[in-house]
Amino acid sequence: MNTIINGVPIEEGSGNVYADLGYPDAEEMLTKAELVHQLQQRIDTLEITPQQAAELVGMPESWLSDLLNGRFRNISQTTIIGCLERIVTAS
């Protein structure tokens, strides 16, 4: 269903922005985004610095920053899950 707001047509999304944008790996990207969100939530809950978080997940701080800022296309789900597991078990 399309709606028009201030003359701009608004189309309701599917719930997967990657699918809406036509990405061929939309489901995988959505899964990665959800995992990264969980990782960010855990870091926020622990109230730790980016450097401490990077040490816990065993990756360079710049790499973790890229991941948390949505640059995870070339990072496997397995790697992201490993980071999440390490930060959960280390804390």
PDB file of N, CA and C in Angstrom:
ATOM      1  N   MET A   1       0.837  -1.177   0.000  1.00  0.00           N
ATOM      2  CA  MET A   1       0.000   0.000   0.000  1.00  0.00           C
ATOM      3  C   MET A   1       0.888   1.248   0.000  1.00  0.00           C
ATOM      4  N   ASN A   2       0.630   2.113  -0.922  1.00  0.00           N
ATOM      5  CA  ASN A   2       1.393   3.352  -1.013  1.00  0.00           C
ATOM      6  C   ASN A   2       0.629   4.491  -0.353  1.00  0.00           C
ATOM      7  N   THR A   3       1.361   5.350   0.305  1.00  0.00           N
ATOM      8  CA  THR A   3       0.821   6.542   0.946  1.00  0.00           C
ATOM      9  C   THR A   3       1.613   7.722   0.409  1.00  0.00           C
ATOM     10  N   ILE A   4       0.988   8.864   0.362  1.00  0.00           N
ATOM     11  CA  ILE A   4       1.702  10.062  -0.077  1.00  0.00           C
ATOM     12  C   ILE A   4       1.751  11.033   1.097  1.00  0.00           C
ATOM     13  N   ILE A   5       2.962  11.435   1.466  1.00  0.00           N
ATOM     14  CA  ILE A   5       3.174  12.400   2.538  1.00  0.00           C
ATOM     15  C   ILE A   5       3.967  13.563   1.963  1.00  0.00           C
ATOM     16  N   ASN A   6       3.390  14.757   2.068  1.00  0.00           N
ATOM     17  CA  ASN A   6       4.029  15.961   1.524  1.00  0.00           C
ATOM     18  C   ASN A   6       4.424  15.776   0.065  1.00  0.00           C
ATOM     19  N   GLY A   7       3.587  15.087  -0.678  1.00  0.00           N
ATOM     20  CA  GLY A   7       3.835  14.886  -2.095  1.00  0.00           C
ATOM     21  C   GLY A   7       4.837  13.797  -2.427  1.00  0.00           C
ATOM     22  N   VAL A   8       5.322  13.097  -1.408  1.00  0.00           N
ATOM     23  CA  VAL A   8       6.313  12.039  -1.622  1.00  0.00           C
ATOM     24  C   VAL A   8       5.644  10.687  -1.404  1.00  0.00           C
ATOM     25  N   PRO A   9       5.702   9.808  -2.420  1.00  0.00           N
ATOM     26  CA  PRO A   9       5.094   8.485  -2.230  1.00  0.00           C
ATOM     27  C   PRO A   9       5.910   7.652  -1.238  1.00  0.00           C
ATOM     28  N   ILE A  10       5.215   7.059  -0.280  1.00  0.00           N
ATOM     29  CA  ILE A  10       5.835   6.220   0.736  1.00  0.00           C
ATOM     30  C   ILE A  10       5.312   4.801   0.547  1.00  0.00           C
ATOM     31  N   GLU A  11       6.223   3.870   0.405  1.00  0.00           N
ATOM     32  CA  GLU A  11       5.847   2.473   0.220  1.00  0.00           C
ATOM     33  C   GLU A  11       6.249   1.681   1.458  1.00  0.00           C
ATOM     34  N   GLU A  12       5.334   0.861   1.953  1.00  0.00           N
ATOM     35  CA  GLU A  12       5.623   0.045   3.129  1.00  0.00           C
ATOM     36  C   GLU A  12       6.660  -1.014   2.780  1.00  0.00           C
ATOM     37  N   GLY A  13       7.640  -1.170   3.648  1.00  0.00           N
ATOM     38  CA  GLY A  13       8.698  -2.148   3.422  1.00  0.00           C
ATOM     39  C   GLY A  13       8.274  -3.549   3.806  1.00  0.00           C
ATOM     40  N   SER A  14       9.118  -4.496   3.454  1.00  0.00           N
ATOM     41  CA  SER A  14       8.841  -5.909   3.717  1.00  0.00           C
ATOM     42  C   SER A  14       9.294  -6.342   5.108  1.00  0.00           C
ATOM     43  N   GLY A  15      10.076  -5.491   5.774  1.00  0.00           N
ATOM     44  CA  GLY A  15      10.682  -5.886   7.042  1.00  0.00           C
ATOM     45  C   GLY A  15      12.143  -6.253   6.864  1.00  0.00           C
ATOM     46  N   ASN A  16      12.577  -6.373   5.625  1.00  0.00           N
ATOM     47  CA  ASN A  16      13.979  -6.648   5.314  1.00  0.00           C
ATOM     48  C   ASN A  16      14.445  -5.594   4.313  1.00  0.00           C
ATOM     49  N   VAL A  17      15.133  -4.589   4.810  1.00  0.00           N
ATOM     50  CA  VAL A  17      15.568  -3.487   3.955  1.00  0.00           C
ATOM     51  C   VAL A  17      16.467  -3.978   2.822  1.00  0.00           C
ATOM     52  N   TYR A  18      17.240  -5.027   3.079  1.00  0.00           N
ATOM     53  CA  TYR A  18      18.133  -5.552   2.044  1.00  0.00           C
ATOM     54  C   TYR A  18      17.330  -6.165   0.892  1.00  0.00           C
ATOM     55  N   ALA A  19      16.236  -6.843   1.216  1.00  0.00           N
ATOM     56  CA  ALA A  19      15.356  -7.393   0.174  1.00  0.00           C
ATOM     57  C   ALA A  19      14.675  -6.252  -0.578  1.00  0.00           C
ATOM     58  N   ASP A  20      14.224  -5.250   0.171  1.00  0.00           N
ATOM     59  CA  ASP A  20      13.561  -4.108  -0.456  1.00  0.00           C
ATOM     60  C   ASP A  20      14.482  -3.396  -1.443  1.00  0.00           C
ATOM     61  N   LEU A  21      15.788  -3.411  -1.148  1.00  0.00           N
ATOM     62  CA  LEU A  21      16.760  -2.771  -2.036  1.00  0.00           C
ATOM     63  C   LEU A  21      17.254  -3.701  -3.140  1.00  0.00           C
ATOM     64  N   GLY A  22      16.795  -4.952  -3.121  1.00  0.00           N
ATOM     65  CA  GLY A  22      17.128  -5.885  -4.189  1.00  0.00           C
ATOM     66  C   GLY A  22      18.434  -6.633  -4.033  1.00  0.00           C
ATOM     67  N   TYR A  23      18.983  -6.674  -2.830  1.00  0.00           N
ATOM     68  CA  TYR A  23      20.232  -7.411  -2.618  1.00  0.00           C
ATOM     69  C   TYR A  23      19.991  -8.909  -2.797  1.00  0.00           C
ATOM     70  N   PRO A  24      20.880  -9.597  -3.524  1.00  0.00           N
ATOM     71  CA  PRO A  24      20.691 -11.038  -3.734  1.00  0.00           C
ATOM     72  C   PRO A  24      20.877 -11.858  -2.454  1.00  0.00           C
ATOM     73  N   ASP A  25      21.633 -11.342  -1.504  1.00  0.00           N
ATOM     74  CA  ASP A  25      21.897 -12.047  -0.245  1.00  0.00           C
ATOM     75  C   ASP A  25      21.153 -11.382   0.914  1.00  0.00           C
ATOM     76  N   ALA A  26      19.929 -10.978   0.648  1.00  0.00           N
ATOM     77  CA  ALA A  26      19.160 -10.180   1.605  1.00  0.00           C
ATOM     78  C   ALA A  26      18.960 -10.875   2.946  1.00  0.00           C
ATOM     79  N   GLU A  27      18.627 -12.145   2.939  1.00  0.00           N
ATOM     80  CA  GLU A  27      18.388 -12.860   4.202  1.00  0.00           C
ATOM     81  C   GLU A  27      19.669 -12.955   5.023  1.00  0.00           C
ATOM     82  N   GLU A  28      20.774 -13.239   4.356  1.00  0.00           N
ATOM     83  CA  GLU A  28      22.060 -13.327   5.052  1.00  0.00           C
ATOM     84  C   GLU A  28      22.440 -11.975   5.659  1.00  0.00           C
ATOM     85  N   MET A  29      22.238 -10.909   4.900  1.00  0.00           N
ATOM     86  CA  MET A  29      22.575  -9.576   5.401  1.00  0.00           C
ATOM     87  C   MET A  29      21.695  -9.192   6.591  1.00  0.00           C
ATOM     88  N   LEU A  30      20.411  -9.550   6.536  1.00  0.00           N
ATOM     89  CA  LEU A  30      19.523  -9.257   7.656  1.00  0.00           C
ATOM     90  C   LEU A  30      19.960 -10.021   8.902  1.00  0.00           C
ATOM     91  N   THR A  31      20.335 -11.277   8.729  1.00  0.00           N
ATOM     92  CA  THR A  31      20.810 -12.077   9.858  1.00  0.00           C
ATOM     93  C   THR A  31      22.062 -11.451  10.460  1.00  0.00           C
ATOM     94  N   LYS A  32      22.994 -11.041   9.612  1.00  0.00           N
ATOM     95  CA  LYS A  32      24.213 -10.390  10.103  1.00  0.00           C
ATOM     96  C   LYS A  32      23.871  -9.115  10.866  1.00  0.00           C
ATOM     97  N   ALA A  33      22.964  -8.322  10.325  1.00  0.00           N
ATOM     98  CA  ALA A  33      22.579  -7.070  10.985  1.00  0.00           C
ATOM     99  C   ALA A  33      21.981  -7.347  12.364  1.00  0.00           C
ATOM    100  N   GLU A  34      21.168  -8.385  12.464  1.00  0.00           N
ATOM    101  CA  GLU A  34      20.570  -8.738  13.754  1.00  0.00           C
ATOM    102  C   GLU A  34      21.635  -9.197  14.747  1.00  0.00           C
ATOM    103  N   LEU A  35      22.609  -9.967  14.279  1.00  0.00           N
ATOM    104  CA  LEU A  35      23.700 -10.420  15.148  1.00  0.00           C
ATOM    105  C   LEU A  35      24.551  -9.243  15.624  1.00  0.00           C
ATOM    106  N   VAL A  36      24.849  -8.338  14.716  1.00  0.00           N
ATOM    107  CA  VAL A  36      25.645  -7.159  15.071  1.00  0.00           C
ATOM    108  C   VAL A  36      24.877  -6.299  16.080  1.00  0.00           C
ATOM    109  N   HIS A  37      23.574  -6.212  15.904  1.00  0.00           N
ATOM    110  CA  HIS A  37      22.757  -5.464  16.866  1.00  0.00           C
ATOM    111  C   HIS A  37      22.856  -6.091  18.261  1.00  0.00           C
ATOM    112  N   GLN A  38      22.798  -7.408  18.327  1.00  0.00           N
ATOM    113  CA  GLN A  38      22.950  -8.100  19.613  1.00  0.00           C
ATOM    114  C   GLN A  38      24.322  -7.818  20.225  1.00  0.00           C
ATOM    115  N   LEU A  39      25.342  -7.826  19.386  1.00  0.00           N
ATOM    116  CA  LEU A  39      26.698  -7.543  19.853  1.00  0.00           C
ATOM    117  C   LEU A  39      26.773  -6.123  20.425  1.00  0.00           C
ATOM    118  N   GLN A  40      26.210  -5.160  19.712  1.00  0.00           N
ATOM    119  CA  GLN A  40      26.219  -3.772  20.182  1.00  0.00           C
ATOM    120  C   GLN A  40      25.452  -3.635  21.492  1.00  0.00           C
ATOM    121  N   GLN A  41      24.326  -4.313  21.599  1.00  0.00           N
ATOM    122  CA  GLN A  41      23.549  -4.259  22.842  1.00  0.00           C
ATOM    123  C   GLN A  41      24.360  -4.797  24.017  1.00  0.00           C
ATOM    124  N   ARG A  42      25.084  -5.877  23.782  1.00  0.00           N
ATOM    125  CA  ARG A  42      25.890  -6.473  24.853  1.00  0.00           C
ATOM    126  C   ARG A  42      27.003  -5.515  25.282  1.00  0.00           C
ATOM    127  N   ILE A  43      27.649  -4.886  24.319  1.00  0.00           N
ATOM    128  CA  ILE A  43      28.706  -3.912  24.617  1.00  0.00           C
ATOM    129  C   ILE A  43      28.126  -2.756  25.430  1.00  0.00           C
ATOM    130  N   ASP A  44      26.951  -2.282  25.028  1.00  0.00           N
ATOM    131  CA  ASP A  44      26.301  -1.187  25.757  1.00  0.00           C
ATOM    132  C   ASP A  44      25.949  -1.606  27.181  1.00  0.00           C
ATOM    133  N   THR A  45      25.438  -2.813  27.338  1.00  0.00           N
ATOM    134  CA  THR A  45      25.065  -3.322  28.661  1.00  0.00           C
ATOM    135  C   THR A  45      26.278  -3.411  29.581  1.00  0.00           C
ATOM    136  N   LEU A  46      27.395  -3.842  29.023  1.00  0.00           N
ATOM    137  CA  LEU A  46      28.619  -3.985  29.815  1.00  0.00           C
ATOM    138  C   LEU A  46      29.273  -2.643  30.138  1.00  0.00           C
ATOM    139  N   GLU A  47      28.867  -1.603  29.407  1.00  0.00           N
ATOM    140  CA  GLU A  47      29.435  -0.262  29.580  1.00  0.00           C
ATOM    141  C   GLU A  47      30.961  -0.289  29.480  1.00  0.00           C
ATOM    142  N   ILE A  48      31.448  -0.914  28.406  1.00  0.00           N
ATOM    143  CA  ILE A  48      32.889  -1.015  28.181  1.00  0.00           C
ATOM    144  C   ILE A  48      33.300  -0.126  27.016  1.00  0.00           C
ATOM    145  N   THR A  49      34.577   0.196  26.975  1.00  0.00           N
ATOM    146  CA  THR A  49      35.109   1.038  25.906  1.00  0.00           C
ATOM    147  C   THR A  49      35.237   0.217  24.622  1.00  0.00           C
ATOM    148  N   PRO A  50      35.331   0.895  23.480  1.00  0.00           N
ATOM    149  CA  PRO A  50      35.564   0.173  22.233  1.00  0.00           C
ATOM    150  C   PRO A  50      36.832  -0.686  22.293  1.00  0.00           C
ATOM    151  N   GLN A  51      37.863  -0.169  22.931  1.00  0.00           N
ATOM    152  CA  GLN A  51      39.109  -0.934  23.057  1.00  0.00           C
ATOM    153  C   GLN A  51      38.877  -2.202  23.878  1.00  0.00           C
ATOM    154  N   GLN A  52      38.149  -2.099  24.977  1.00  0.00           N
ATOM    155  CA  GLN A  52      37.859  -3.273  25.803  1.00  0.00           C
ATOM    156  C   GLN A  52      37.013  -4.283  25.032  1.00  0.00           C
ATOM    157  N   ALA A  53      36.043  -3.786  24.280  1.00  0.00           N
ATOM    158  CA  ALA A  53      35.194  -4.673  23.485  1.00  0.00           C
ATOM    159  C   ALA A  53      36.024  -5.409  22.440  1.00  0.00           C
ATOM    160  N   ALA A  54      36.912  -4.695  21.778  1.00  0.00           N
ATOM    161  CA  ALA A  54      37.773  -5.312  20.765  1.00  0.00           C
ATOM    162  C   ALA A  54      38.650  -6.395  21.383  1.00  0.00           C
ATOM    163  N   GLU A  55      39.167  -6.128  22.570  1.00  0.00           N
ATOM    164  CA  GLU A  55      39.986  -7.133  23.258  1.00  0.00           C
ATOM    165  C   GLU A  55      39.160  -8.374  23.584  1.00  0.00           C
ATOM    166  N   LEU A  56      37.924  -8.169  24.032  1.00  0.00           N
ATOM    167  CA  LEU A  56      37.063  -9.305  24.371  1.00  0.00           C
ATOM    168  C   LEU A  56      36.730 -10.169  23.161  1.00  0.00           C
ATOM    169  N   VAL A  57      36.479  -9.530  22.019  1.00  0.00           N
ATOM    170  CA  VAL A  57      36.129 -10.312  20.830  1.00  0.00           C
ATOM    171  C   VAL A  57      37.357 -10.804  20.077  1.00  0.00           C
ATOM    172  N   GLY A  58      38.530 -10.285  20.445  1.00  0.00           N
ATOM    173  CA  GLY A  58      39.762 -10.756  19.828  1.00  0.00           C
ATOM    174  C   GLY A  58      40.028 -10.202  18.445  1.00  0.00           C
ATOM    175  N   MET A  59      39.562  -8.989  18.196  1.00  0.00           N
ATOM    176  CA  MET A  59      39.755  -8.347  16.901  1.00  0.00           C
ATOM    177  C   MET A  59      40.292  -6.933  17.113  1.00  0.00           C
ATOM    178  N   PRO A  60      40.939  -6.360  16.090  1.00  0.00           N
ATOM    179  CA  PRO A  60      41.394  -4.971  16.205  1.00  0.00           C
ATOM    180  C   PRO A  60      40.203  -4.024  16.397  1.00  0.00           C
ATOM    181  N   GLU A  61      40.437  -2.953  17.109  1.00  0.00           N
ATOM    182  CA  GLU A  61      39.372  -1.985  17.381  1.00  0.00           C
ATOM    183  C   GLU A  61      38.780  -1.419  16.087  1.00  0.00           C
ATOM    184  N   SER A  62      39.628  -1.155  15.091  1.00  0.00           N
ATOM    185  CA  SER A  62      39.135  -0.605  13.820  1.00  0.00           C
ATOM    186  C   SER A  62      38.219  -1.595  13.107  1.00  0.00           C
ATOM    187  N   TRP A  63      38.545  -2.883  13.199  1.00  0.00           N
ATOM    188  CA  TRP A  63      37.719  -3.926  12.589  1.00  0.00           C
ATOM    189  C   TRP A  63      36.358  -3.969  13.277  1.00  0.00           C
ATOM    190  N   LEU A  64      36.356  -3.936  14.614  1.00  0.00           N
ATOM    191  CA  LEU A  64      35.102  -3.968  15.366  1.00  0.00           C
ATOM    192  C   LEU A  64      34.271  -2.722  15.073  1.00  0.00           C
ATOM    193  N   SER A  65      34.922  -1.582  14.957  1.00  0.00           N
ATOM    194  CA  SER A  65      34.220  -0.345  14.626  1.00  0.00           C
ATOM    195  C   SER A  65      33.523  -0.464  13.275  1.00  0.00           C
ATOM    196  N   ASP A  66      34.225  -0.991  12.284  1.00  0.00           N
ATOM    197  CA  ASP A  66      33.615  -1.196  10.966  1.00  0.00           C
ATOM    198  C   ASP A  66      32.399  -2.111  11.079  1.00  0.00           C
ATOM    199  N   LEU A  67      32.551  -3.206  11.804  1.00  0.00           N
ATOM    200  CA  LEU A  67      31.463  -4.167  11.978  1.00  0.00           C
ATOM    201  C   LEU A  67      30.246  -3.489  12.604  1.00  0.00           C
ATOM    202  N   LEU A  68      30.463  -2.773  13.700  1.00  0.00           N
ATOM    203  CA  LEU A  68      29.363  -2.141  14.426  1.00  0.00           C
ATOM    204  C   LEU A  68      28.735  -0.985  13.654  1.00  0.00           C
ATOM    205  N   ASN A  69      29.454  -0.471  12.658  1.00  0.00           N
ATOM    206  CA  ASN A  69      28.922   0.604  11.821  1.00  0.00           C
ATOM    207  C   ASN A  69      28.332   0.089  10.512  1.00  0.00           C
ATOM    208  N   GLY A  70      28.049  -1.219  10.471  1.00  0.00           N
ATOM    209  CA  GLY A  70      27.326  -1.782   9.336  1.00  0.00           C
ATOM    210  C   GLY A  70      28.162  -2.241   8.165  1.00  0.00           C
ATOM    211  N   ARG A  71      29.467  -2.216   8.306  1.00  0.00           N
ATOM    212  CA  ARG A  71      30.324  -2.660   7.199  1.00  0.00           C
ATOM    213  C   ARG A  71      30.688  -4.132   7.430  1.00  0.00           C
ATOM    214  N   PHE A  72      29.695  -5.005   7.209  1.00  0.00           N
ATOM    215  CA  PHE A  72      29.889  -6.429   7.491  1.00  0.00           C
ATOM    216  C   PHE A  72      29.605  -7.328   6.292  1.00  0.00           C
ATOM    217  N   ARG A  73      29.476  -6.749   5.112  1.00  0.00           N
ATOM    218  CA  ARG A  73      29.181  -7.550   3.918  1.00  0.00           C
ATOM    219  C   ARG A  73      30.215  -8.663   3.724  1.00  0.00           C
ATOM    220  N   ASN A  74      31.488  -8.366   3.926  1.00  0.00           N
ATOM    221  CA  ASN A  74      32.549  -9.349   3.680  1.00  0.00           C
ATOM    222  C   ASN A  74      32.973 -10.103   4.938  1.00  0.00           C
ATOM    223  N   ILE A  75      32.174 -10.017   5.981  1.00  0.00           N
ATOM    224  CA  ILE A  75      32.452 -10.744   7.221  1.00  0.00           C
ATOM    225  C   ILE A  75      31.424 -11.857   7.341  1.00  0.00           C
ATOM    226  N   SER A  76      31.881 -13.067   7.596  1.00  0.00           N
ATOM    227  CA  SER A  76      30.960 -14.203   7.642  1.00  0.00           C
ATOM    228  C   SER A  76      30.094 -14.174   8.895  1.00  0.00           C
ATOM    229  N   GLN A  77      28.935 -14.808   8.783  1.00  0.00           N
ATOM    230  CA  GLN A  77      28.056 -14.959   9.946  1.00  0.00           C
ATOM    231  C   GLN A  77      28.782 -15.704  11.059  1.00  0.00           C
ATOM    232  N   THR A  78      29.566 -16.691  10.674  1.00  0.00           N
ATOM    233  CA  THR A  78      30.311 -17.483  11.653  1.00  0.00           C
ATOM    234  C   THR A  78      31.255 -16.600  12.463  1.00  0.00           C
ATOM    235  N   THR A  79      31.931 -15.683  11.805  1.00  0.00           N
ATOM    236  CA  THR A  79      32.843 -14.769  12.493  1.00  0.00           C
ATOM    237  C   THR A  79      32.076 -13.862  13.453  1.00  0.00           C
ATOM    238  N   ILE A  80      30.948 -13.344  13.002  1.00  0.00           N
ATOM    239  CA  ILE A  80      30.147 -12.463  13.856  1.00  0.00           C
ATOM    240  C   ILE A  80      29.608 -13.235  15.061  1.00  0.00           C
ATOM    241  N   ILE A  81      29.140 -14.445  14.836  1.00  0.00           N
ATOM    242  CA  ILE A  81      28.648 -15.285  15.935  1.00  0.00           C
ATOM    243  C   ILE A  81      29.771 -15.556  16.926  1.00  0.00           C
ATOM    244  N   GLY A  82      30.971 -15.821  16.426  1.00  0.00           N
ATOM    245  CA  GLY A  82      32.123 -16.052  17.299  1.00  0.00           C
ATOM    246  C   GLY A  82      32.410 -14.846  18.177  1.00  0.00           C
ATOM    247  N   CYS A  83      32.335 -13.659  17.607  1.00  0.00           N
ATOM    248  CA  CYS A  83      32.550 -12.428  18.385  1.00  0.00           C
ATOM    249  C   CYS A  83      31.486 -12.288  19.464  1.00  0.00           C
ATOM    250  N   LEU A  84      30.256 -12.550  19.096  1.00  0.00           N
ATOM    251  CA  LEU A  84      29.161 -12.450  20.055  1.00  0.00           C
ATOM    252  C   LEU A  84      29.337 -13.460  21.188  1.00  0.00           C
ATOM    253  N   GLU A  85      29.707 -14.676  20.841  1.00  0.00           N
ATOM    254  CA  GLU A  85      29.924 -15.707  21.864  1.00  0.00           C
ATOM    255  C   GLU A  85      31.059 -15.320  22.810  1.00  0.00           C
ATOM    256  N   ARG A  86      32.142 -14.776  22.245  1.00  0.00           N
ATOM    257  CA  ARG A  86      33.284 -14.400  23.089  1.00  0.00           C
ATOM    258  C   ARG A  86      32.934 -13.275  24.053  1.00  0.00           C
ATOM    259  N   ILE A  87      32.180 -12.308  23.591  1.00  0.00           N
ATOM    260  CA  ILE A  87      31.860 -11.187  24.483  1.00  0.00           C
ATOM    261  C   ILE A  87      30.846 -11.611  25.542  1.00  0.00           C
ATOM    262  N   VAL A  88      29.982 -12.559  25.209  1.00  0.00           N
ATOM    263  CA  VAL A  88      29.005 -13.043  26.187  1.00  0.00           C
ATOM    264  C   VAL A  88      29.690 -13.898  27.245  1.00  0.00           C
ATOM    265  N   THR A  89      30.578 -14.785  26.831  1.00  0.00           N
ATOM    266  CA  THR A  89      31.220 -15.688  27.792  1.00  0.00           C
ATOM    267  C   THR A  89      32.326 -15.002  28.586  1.00  0.00           C
ATOM    268  N   ALA A  90      32.916 -13.955  28.028  1.00  0.00           N
ATOM    269  CA  ALA A  90      34.018 -13.274  28.717  1.00  0.00           C
ATOM    270  C   ALA A  90      33.517 -12.330  29.803  1.00  0.00           C
ATOM    271  N   SER A  91      32.268 -12.004  29.757  1.00  0.00           N
ATOM    272  CA  SER A  91      31.752 -11.018  30.715  1.00  0.00           C
ATOM    273  C   SER A  91      30.910 -11.648  31.794  1.00  0.00           C
TER     274      SER A  91
END
